[in-house]
């Protein structure tokens, strides 16, 4: 493997690793948003049944 091939492969892997990290962050944010919406939904259900 040539030096340039090594650099190319390294950059590709770095890009994929970065994409995975961003996706993981997005998933965590969406999970938090779902949790917040579930709490809001329960809160609204409680207000309408009173």
PDB file of N, CA and C in Angstrom:
ATOM      1  N   UNK A   1       0.853  -1.176   0.000  1.00  0.00           N
ATOM      2  CA  UNK A   1       0.000   0.000   0.000  1.00  0.00           C
ATOM      3  C   UNK A   1       0.897   1.236   0.000  1.00  0.00           C
ATOM      4  N   UNK A   2       0.588   2.158  -0.833  1.00  0.00           N
ATOM      5  CA  UNK A   2       1.396   3.366  -0.922  1.00  0.00           C
ATOM      6  C   UNK A   2       1.020   4.342   0.184  1.00  0.00           C
ATOM      7  N   UNK A   3       1.866   5.305   0.365  1.00  0.00           N
ATOM      8  CA  UNK A   3       1.627   6.334   1.376  1.00  0.00           C
ATOM      9  C   UNK A   3       0.327   7.084   1.083  1.00  0.00           C
ATOM     10  N   UNK A   4       0.104   7.399  -0.198  1.00  0.00           N
ATOM     11  CA  UNK A   4      -1.109   8.136  -0.560  1.00  0.00           C
ATOM     12  C   UNK A   4      -2.363   7.289  -0.359  1.00  0.00           C
ATOM     13  N   UNK A   5      -2.242   5.999  -0.594  1.00  0.00           N
ATOM     14  CA  UNK A   5      -3.359   5.099  -0.329  1.00  0.00           C
ATOM     15  C   UNK A   5      -3.682   5.050   1.148  1.00  0.00           C
ATOM     16  N   UNK A   6      -2.631   5.039   1.963  1.00  0.00           N
ATOM     17  CA  UNK A   6      -2.807   5.046   3.411  1.00  0.00           C
ATOM     18  C   UNK A   6      -3.515   6.323   3.868  1.00  0.00           C
ATOM     19  N   UNK A   7      -3.071   7.454   3.358  1.00  0.00           N
ATOM     20  CA  UNK A   7      -3.691   8.744   3.711  1.00  0.00           C
ATOM     21  C   UNK A   7      -5.149   8.765   3.269  1.00  0.00           C
ATOM     22  N   UNK A   8      -5.410   8.292   2.069  1.00  0.00           N
ATOM     23  CA  UNK A   8      -6.779   8.265   1.549  1.00  0.00           C
ATOM     24  C   UNK A   8      -7.686   7.407   2.426  1.00  0.00           C
ATOM     25  N   UNK A   9      -7.200   6.236   2.786  1.00  0.00           N
ATOM     26  CA  UNK A   9      -7.979   5.334   3.638  1.00  0.00           C
ATOM     27  C   UNK A   9      -8.216   5.946   5.010  1.00  0.00           C
ATOM     28  N   UNK A  10      -7.190   6.570   5.562  1.00  0.00           N
ATOM     29  CA  UNK A  10      -7.308   7.210   6.871  1.00  0.00           C
ATOM     30  C   UNK A  10      -8.359   8.311   6.842  1.00  0.00           C
ATOM     31  N   UNK A  11      -8.343   9.127   5.804  1.00  0.00           N
ATOM     32  CA  UNK A  11      -9.325  10.212   5.694  1.00  0.00           C
ATOM     33  C   UNK A  11     -10.744   9.666   5.539  1.00  0.00           C
ATOM     34  N   UNK A  12     -10.894   8.599   4.776  1.00  0.00           N
ATOM     35  CA  UNK A  12     -12.221   7.990   4.611  1.00  0.00           C
ATOM     36  C   UNK A  12     -12.739   7.474   5.948  1.00  0.00           C
ATOM     37  N   UNK A  13     -11.862   6.787   6.688  1.00  0.00           N
ATOM     38  CA  UNK A  13     -12.270   6.254   7.991  1.00  0.00           C
ATOM     39  C   UNK A  13     -12.600   7.375   8.962  1.00  0.00           C
ATOM     40  N   UNK A  14     -11.820   8.448   8.937  1.00  0.00           N
ATOM     41  CA  UNK A  14     -12.094   9.586   9.810  1.00  0.00           C
ATOM     42  C   UNK A  14     -13.452  10.181   9.481  1.00  0.00           C
ATOM     43  N   UNK A  15     -13.758  10.298   8.202  1.00  0.00           N
ATOM     44  CA  UNK A  15     -15.050  10.840   7.786  1.00  0.00           C
ATOM     45  C   UNK A  15     -16.198   9.963   8.246  1.00  0.00           C
ATOM     46  N   UNK A  16     -16.021   8.655   8.145  1.00  0.00           N
ATOM     47  CA  UNK A  16     -17.076   7.733   8.582  1.00  0.00           C
ATOM     48  C   UNK A  16     -17.240   7.775  10.093  1.00  0.00           C
ATOM     49  N   UNK A  17     -16.123   7.860  10.806  1.00  0.00           N
ATOM     50  CA  UNK A  17     -16.175   7.949  12.264  1.00  0.00           C
ATOM     51  C   UNK A  17     -16.898   9.224  12.684  1.00  0.00           C
ATOM     52  N   UNK A  18     -16.611  10.313  11.993  1.00  0.00           N
ATOM     53  CA  UNK A  18     -17.260  11.587  12.289  1.00  0.00           C
ATOM     54  C   UNK A  18     -18.763  11.502  12.018  1.00  0.00           C
ATOM     55  N   UNK A  19     -19.142  10.849  10.934  1.00  0.00           N
ATOM     56  CA  UNK A  19     -20.558  10.673  10.600  1.00  0.00           C
ATOM     57  C   UNK A  19     -21.263   9.851  11.670  1.00  0.00           C
ATOM     58  N   UNK A  20     -20.606   8.803  12.151  1.00  0.00           N
ATOM     59  CA  UNK A  20     -21.190   7.967  13.205  1.00  0.00           C
ATOM     60  C   UNK A  20     -21.382   8.779  14.477  1.00  0.00           C
ATOM     61  N   UNK A  21     -20.400   9.594  14.841  1.00  0.00           N
ATOM     62  CA  UNK A  21     -20.510  10.422  16.045  1.00  0.00           C
ATOM     63  C   UNK A  21     -21.662  11.413  15.918  1.00  0.00           C
ATOM     64  N   UNK A  22     -21.795  12.035  14.744  1.00  0.00           N
ATOM     65  CA  UNK A  22     -22.895  12.981  14.528  1.00  0.00           C
ATOM     66  C   UNK A  22     -24.242  12.271  14.595  1.00  0.00           C
ATOM     67  N   UNK A  23     -24.322  11.090  14.025  1.00  0.00           N
ATOM     68  CA  UNK A  23     -25.569  10.325  14.049  1.00  0.00           C
ATOM     69  C   UNK A  23     -25.934   9.927  15.471  1.00  0.00           C
ATOM     70  N   UNK A  24     -24.941   9.538  16.249  1.00  0.00           N
ATOM     71  CA  UNK A  24     -25.179   9.169  17.640  1.00  0.00           C
ATOM     72  C   UNK A  24     -25.696  10.362  18.431  1.00  0.00           C
ATOM     73  N   UNK A  25     -25.124  11.535  18.189  1.00  0.00           N
ATOM     74  CA  UNK A  25     -25.596  12.757  18.856  1.00  0.00           C
ATOM     75  C   UNK A  25     -27.040  13.049  18.482  1.00  0.00           C
ATOM     76  N   UNK A  26     -27.346  12.916  17.197  1.00  0.00           N
ATOM     77  CA  UNK A  26     -28.702  13.166  16.714  1.00  0.00           C
ATOM     78  C   UNK A  26     -29.687  12.188  17.350  1.00  0.00           C
ATOM     79  N   UNK A  27     -29.308  10.927  17.461  1.00  0.00           N
ATOM     80  CA  UNK A  27     -30.169   9.923  18.095  1.00  0.00           C
ATOM     81  C   UNK A  27     -30.416  10.289  19.551  1.00  0.00           C
ATOM     82  N   UNK A  28     -29.361  10.692  20.257  1.00  0.00           N
ATOM     83  CA  UNK A  28     -29.514  11.088  21.657  1.00  0.00           C
ATOM     84  C   UNK A  28     -30.442  12.291  21.795  1.00  0.00           C
ATOM     85  N   UNK A  29     -30.300  13.268  20.896  1.00  0.00           N
ATOM     86  CA  UNK A  29     -31.177  14.442  20.926  1.00  0.00           C
ATOM     87  C   UNK A  29     -32.627  14.053  20.656  1.00  0.00           C
ATOM     88  N   UNK A  30     -32.836  13.153  19.717  1.00  0.00           N
ATOM     89  CA  UNK A  30     -34.199  12.714  19.402  1.00  0.00           C
ATOM     90  C   UNK A  30     -34.816  11.924  20.552  1.00  0.00           C
ATOM     91  N   UNK A  31     -34.009  11.104  21.229  1.00  0.00           N
ATOM     92  CA  UNK A  31     -34.512  10.369  22.392  1.00  0.00           C
ATOM     93  C   UNK A  31     -34.945  11.337  23.483  1.00  0.00           C
ATOM     94  N   UNK A  32     -34.152  12.384  23.703  1.00  0.00           N
ATOM     95  CA  UNK A  32     -34.503  13.383  24.711  1.00  0.00           C
ATOM     96  C   UNK A  32     -35.790  14.104  24.314  1.00  0.00           C
ATOM     97  N   UNK A  33     -35.919  14.434  23.038  1.00  0.00           N
ATOM     98  CA  UNK A  33     -37.120  15.120  22.544  1.00  0.00           C
ATOM     99  C   UNK A  33     -38.355  14.229  22.718  1.00  0.00           C
ATOM    100  N   UNK A  34     -38.214  12.940  22.417  1.00  0.00           N
ATOM    101  CA  UNK A  34     -39.325  12.001  22.601  1.00  0.00           C
ATOM    102  C   UNK A  34     -39.732  11.956  24.064  1.00  0.00           C
ATOM    103  N   UNK A  35     -38.744  11.877  24.937  1.00  0.00           N
ATOM    104  CA  UNK A  35     -39.031  11.837  26.374  1.00  0.00           C
ATOM    105  C   UNK A  35     -39.769  13.105  26.814  1.00  0.00           C
ATOM    106  N   UNK A  36     -39.288  14.262  26.355  1.00  0.00           N
ATOM    107  CA  UNK A  36     -39.942  15.524  26.705  1.00  0.00           C
ATOM    108  C   UNK A  36     -41.379  15.564  26.192  1.00  0.00           C
ATOM    109  N   UNK A  37     -41.593  15.076  24.972  1.00  0.00           N
ATOM    110  CA  UNK A  37     -42.944  15.069  24.409  1.00  0.00           C
ATOM    111  C   UNK A  37     -43.859  14.094  25.147  1.00  0.00           C
ATOM    112  N   UNK A  38     -43.305  12.967  25.579  1.00  0.00           N
ATOM    113  CA  UNK A  38     -44.106  12.022  26.362  1.00  0.00           C
ATOM    114  C   UNK A  38     -44.526  12.646  27.685  1.00  0.00           C
ATOM    115  N   UNK A  39     -43.614  13.362  28.324  1.00  0.00           N
ATOM    116  CA  UNK A  39     -43.956  14.046  29.576  1.00  0.00           C
ATOM    117  C   UNK A  39     -45.020  15.115  29.342  1.00  0.00           C
ATOM    118  N   UNK A  40     -44.856  15.871  28.263  1.00  0.00           N
ATOM    119  CA  UNK A  40     -45.841  16.902  27.937  1.00  0.00           C
ATOM    120  C   UNK A  40     -47.198  16.273  27.639  1.00  0.00           C
ATOM    121  N   UNK A  41     -47.201  15.157  26.939  1.00  0.00           N
ATOM    122  CA  UNK A  41     -48.436  14.452  26.615  1.00  0.00           C
ATOM    123  C   UNK A  41     -49.147  13.994  27.884  1.00  0.00           C
ATOM    124  N   UNK A  42     -48.403  13.408  28.811  1.00  0.00           N
ATOM    125  CA  UNK A  42     -48.991  12.970  30.078  1.00  0.00           C
ATOM    126  C   UNK A  42     -49.530  14.164  30.862  1.00  0.00           C
ATOM    127  N   UNK A  43     -48.804  15.254  30.816  1.00  0.00           N
ATOM    128  CA  UNK A  43     -49.232  16.467  31.504  1.00  0.00           C
ATOM    129  C   UNK A  43     -50.551  16.975  30.921  1.00  0.00           C
ATOM    130  N   UNK A  44     -50.643  16.974  29.599  1.00  0.00           N
ATOM    131  CA  UNK A  44     -51.866  17.438  28.940  1.00  0.00           C
ATOM    132  C   UNK A  44     -53.033  16.491  29.200  1.00  0.00           C
ATOM    133  N   UNK A  45     -52.773  15.195  29.241  1.00  0.00           N
ATOM    134  CA  UNK A  45     -53.831  14.232  29.556  1.00  0.00           C
ATOM    135  C   UNK A  45     -54.374  14.486  30.955  1.00  0.00           C
ATOM    136  N   UNK A  46     -53.497  14.799  31.878  1.00  0.00           N
ATOM    137  CA  UNK A  46     -53.913  15.081  33.251  1.00  0.00           C
ATOM    138  C   UNK A  46     -54.760  16.333  33.343  1.00  0.00           C
ATOM    139  N   UNK A  47     -54.457  17.334  32.543  1.00  0.00           N
ATOM    140  CA  UNK A  47     -55.217  18.586  32.570  1.00  0.00           C
ATOM    141  C   UNK A  47     -56.600  18.418  31.969  1.00  0.00           C
ATOM    142  N   UNK A  48     -56.741  17.587  30.942  1.00  0.00           N
ATOM    143  CA  UNK A  48     -58.039  17.437  30.284  1.00  0.00           C
ATOM    144  C   UNK A  48     -58.978  16.534  31.068  1.00  0.00           C
ATOM    145  N   UNK A  49     -58.440  15.643  31.899  1.00  0.00           N
ATOM    146  CA  UNK A  49     -59.318  14.735  32.633  1.00  0.00           C
ATOM    147  C   UNK A  49     -59.807  15.346  33.939  1.00  0.00           C
ATOM    148  N   UNK A  50     -59.299  16.499  34.319  1.00  0.00           N
ATOM    149  CA  UNK A  50     -59.709  17.140  35.576  1.00  0.00           C
ATOM    150  C   UNK A  50     -60.946  17.952  35.381  1.00  0.00           C
TER     151      UNK A  50
END
